Protein backbone atom coordinates (compact mmCIF):
# COMPACT_ATOMS: atom_id res chain seq x y z
CA MET A 1 0.00 0.00 0.00
CA TYR A 2 2.82 2.42 0.80
CA ARG A 3 5.34 0.91 -1.62
CA ALA A 4 7.88 2.81 -3.65
CA MET A 5 6.38 4.07 -6.92
CA PRO A 6 9.29 4.19 -9.39
CA GLU A 7 6.83 4.39 -12.31
CA GLU A 8 5.89 7.96 -11.37
CA PRO A 9 7.53 10.87 -13.31
CA TYR A 10 9.25 11.77 -10.04
CA PRO A 11 9.82 8.40 -8.32
CA VAL A 12 8.01 8.26 -4.99
CA PRO A 13 9.91 6.46 -2.22
CA ALA A 14 8.25 3.87 0.01
CA VAL A 15 6.81 5.28 3.23
CA ASP A 16 8.52 4.28 6.46
CA ILE A 17 5.27 3.28 8.16
CA SER A 18 7.02 3.00 11.54
CA LYS A 19 6.95 6.82 11.55
CA ILE A 20 3.13 7.00 11.30
CA ASP A 21 0.52 6.01 13.85
CA PRO A 22 -1.24 2.96 12.29
CA VAL A 23 -4.63 4.61 12.90
CA TYR A 24 -3.76 6.89 9.95
CA TYR A 25 -3.11 4.09 7.45
CA ARG A 26 -5.50 4.00 4.50
CA ARG A 27 -8.31 1.50 4.99
CA GLN A 28 -11.95 0.79 4.24
CA VAL A 29 -14.10 1.38 7.33
CA ASP A 30 -17.71 1.34 8.44
CA TYR A 31 -18.92 4.93 8.17
CA SER A 32 -22.37 6.28 8.81
CA SER A 33 -22.98 9.56 6.98
CA SER A 34 -25.85 11.59 5.62
CA GLU A 35 -23.59 12.48 2.66
CA PRO A 36 -24.17 10.54 -0.57
CA ALA A 37 -21.66 7.97 -1.80
CA GLY A 38 -18.79 9.63 -3.64
CA THR A 39 -18.53 12.61 -1.26
CA ILE A 40 -15.22 13.57 0.34
CA VAL A 41 -15.61 14.39 4.03
CA VAL A 42 -12.66 15.90 5.91
CA ASP A 43 -12.92 15.38 9.67
CA THR A 44 -10.42 18.01 10.79
CA PRO A 45 -10.65 17.38 14.56
CA ASN A 46 -9.72 13.71 14.09
CA ARG A 47 -7.37 14.20 11.10
CA PHE A 48 -9.17 11.88 8.70
CA LEU A 49 -10.46 12.20 5.16
CA TYR A 50 -13.32 9.89 4.17
CA LEU A 51 -14.51 9.03 0.69
CA THR A 52 -18.08 7.86 1.28
CA MET A 53 -19.13 4.60 -0.36
CA GLU A 54 -22.32 2.56 -0.67
CA ASN A 55 -23.68 0.43 2.19
CA GLY A 56 -22.31 2.49 5.11
CA LYS A 57 -18.66 2.18 4.10
CA ALA A 58 -15.92 4.68 3.38
CA MET A 59 -12.28 4.72 2.37
CA ARG A 60 -10.47 6.48 5.21
CA TYR A 61 -7.15 8.27 4.90
CA GLY A 62 -5.01 9.93 7.57
CA VAL A 63 -4.31 13.59 6.84
CA GLY A 64 -2.44 16.62 8.06
CA ILE A 65 -4.53 19.79 8.29
CA GLY A 66 -4.20 23.56 8.64
CA ARG A 67 -2.75 24.95 11.84
CA ALA A 68 -4.73 27.43 13.94
CA GLY A 69 -5.72 30.46 11.89
CA PHE A 70 -5.26 28.69 8.54
CA ALA A 71 -8.18 26.28 8.47
CA TRP A 72 -11.06 26.39 6.03
CA GLY A 73 -14.38 24.64 6.44
CA GLY A 74 -17.59 24.28 4.52
CA ARG A 75 -19.12 22.67 1.45
CA ALA A 76 -17.48 22.90 -1.93
CA ARG A 77 -16.37 20.72 -4.84
CA ILE A 78 -13.24 19.44 -6.47
CA ALA A 79 -13.05 21.64 -9.57
CA ALA A 80 -9.73 20.43 -10.94
CA LYS A 81 -7.18 17.69 -10.44
CA ARG A 82 -3.52 17.87 -11.43
CA PRO A 83 -0.76 15.27 -11.42
CA TRP A 84 2.59 16.69 -10.31
CA PRO A 85 1.36 20.32 -10.35
CA LYS A 86 3.39 23.49 -10.19
CA TRP A 87 2.97 25.29 -6.86
CA PHE A 88 2.17 28.99 -6.71
CA PRO A 89 2.38 30.38 -3.17
CA PRO A 90 -0.38 32.90 -2.48
CA ALA A 91 0.71 36.53 -2.12
CA GLU A 92 -0.20 36.45 1.60
CA MET A 93 2.17 33.52 2.13
CA ILE A 94 4.98 35.32 0.32
CA GLU A 95 4.38 38.34 2.60
CA ARG A 96 4.70 36.08 5.68
CA GLU A 97 7.69 34.21 4.24
CA PRO A 98 9.68 36.49 1.89
CA LYS A 99 12.05 33.63 0.95
CA LEU A 100 9.16 32.25 -1.13
CA GLU A 101 9.31 35.24 -3.50
CA LYS A 102 11.41 33.17 -5.91
CA TYR A 103 8.37 30.89 -6.41
CA ARG A 104 5.87 33.65 -7.26
CA GLY A 105 5.99 32.41 -10.85
CA GLY A 106 5.58 28.82 -9.70
CA MET A 107 7.72 26.02 -8.28
CA GLU A 108 8.38 23.16 -10.67
CA PRO A 109 6.86 19.74 -9.92
CA GLY A 110 8.74 17.18 -7.88
CA LEU A 111 9.03 15.66 -4.44
CA GLU A 112 10.20 18.97 -2.94
CA ASN A 113 7.16 20.81 -4.32
CA PRO A 114 4.65 21.36 -1.46
CA LEU A 115 1.76 19.95 -3.56
CA GLY A 116 3.59 16.70 -4.22
CA ALA A 117 2.38 13.93 -6.51
CA ARG A 118 -1.21 15.12 -7.00
CA ALA A 119 -3.41 18.09 -6.11
CA LEU A 120 -7.19 18.36 -5.99
CA TYR A 121 -8.39 21.97 -6.12
CA ILE A 122 -11.29 23.03 -3.88
CA TYR A 123 -13.77 25.59 -5.26
CA GLU A 124 -16.88 27.19 -3.76
CA GLY A 125 -19.07 27.82 -6.79
CA ASN A 126 -16.67 29.29 -9.37
CA LYS A 127 -14.29 30.71 -6.74
CA ASP A 128 -10.99 29.02 -5.97
CA THR A 129 -10.68 28.72 -2.18
CA LEU A 130 -6.88 28.38 -2.60
CA TYR A 131 -7.13 25.22 -0.47
CA ARG A 132 -6.00 21.88 -1.86
CA LEU A 133 -5.94 18.19 -1.08
CA HIS A 134 -2.35 17.29 -1.96
CA GLY A 135 0.55 14.92 -1.48
CA THR A 136 3.43 15.39 0.92
CA SER A 137 6.82 13.90 1.65
CA ALA A 138 6.49 15.14 5.26
CA THR A 139 5.22 11.86 6.67
CA TRP A 140 5.61 13.28 10.20
CA SER A 141 2.80 15.78 9.44
CA ILE A 142 0.06 13.15 9.04
CA GLY A 143 -2.26 13.41 12.03
CA LYS A 144 -1.05 16.92 12.88
CA ALA A 145 -2.31 20.50 12.37
CA VAL A 146 0.71 22.13 10.74
CA SER A 147 -0.06 23.23 7.19
CA SER A 148 -1.05 26.61 5.79
CA GLY A 149 -4.61 25.37 5.46
CA CYS A 150 -4.41 22.63 2.87
CA VAL A 151 -5.13 18.96 3.56
CA ARG A 152 -1.93 16.91 3.29
CA MET A 153 -1.93 13.23 2.41
CA LEU A 154 0.84 10.71 1.89
CA HIS A 155 1.76 10.62 -1.81
CA GLN A 156 0.44 7.06 -2.13
CA ASP A 157 -2.87 8.09 -0.52
CA VAL A 158 -3.42 11.18 -2.65
CA ILE A 159 -2.68 9.13 -5.77
CA ASP A 160 -5.27 6.56 -4.61
CA LEU A 161 -7.89 9.27 -3.93
CA TYR A 162 -7.07 11.08 -7.21
CA ASN A 163 -7.77 7.86 -9.10
CA ARG A 164 -11.12 7.32 -7.32
CA VAL A 165 -12.80 10.73 -7.71
CA PRO A 166 -13.78 12.79 -10.76
CA ASN A 167 -13.84 16.57 -11.11
CA GLY A 168 -17.05 17.87 -9.55
CA THR A 169 -16.79 15.58 -6.51
CA PRO A 170 -18.49 17.23 -3.53
CA ILE A 171 -16.32 17.91 -0.49
CA VAL A 172 -17.35 18.77 3.06
CA VAL A 173 -14.69 20.04 5.46
CA ARG A 174 -15.89 19.81 9.06
CA GLN A 175 -14.25 21.93 11.73
CA ALA A 176 -14.25 21.23 15.47
């Protein structure tokens, strides 16, 4: 499940699962929800992302979420999906971290790129929220609130989710 992926354009190393609490491993679980099958539900207090399925089941993934002051919540949709995307730090982030100025025009794809192997772009109506579901090499961040608002997933997990959901997938991000 968390094997090396040398077939990727930027080879993804295997995850050292000893560095992650097993509760955050990807797995199918029983999940009671009023959301229809095919909905992404992010449970920020518990650091899980669920993809609802038929018959009271869901695929559950461990995630890292936004730290205090950077969280977003609500109902939206996945408007776009990109493999190995360029990363464009928002102007507000560049103001907070001037060293990011060199990426204003975009950071090239790769394992060092903060969006990682895949990115799913969250929109409310036709407005980009600037929040993403994306891959990360920072395995230590799964189960933590450390990001600038986006939902981080292990590269292998975001690739799995990316392959399961189409553009237009509804997403619900629940805050505490």
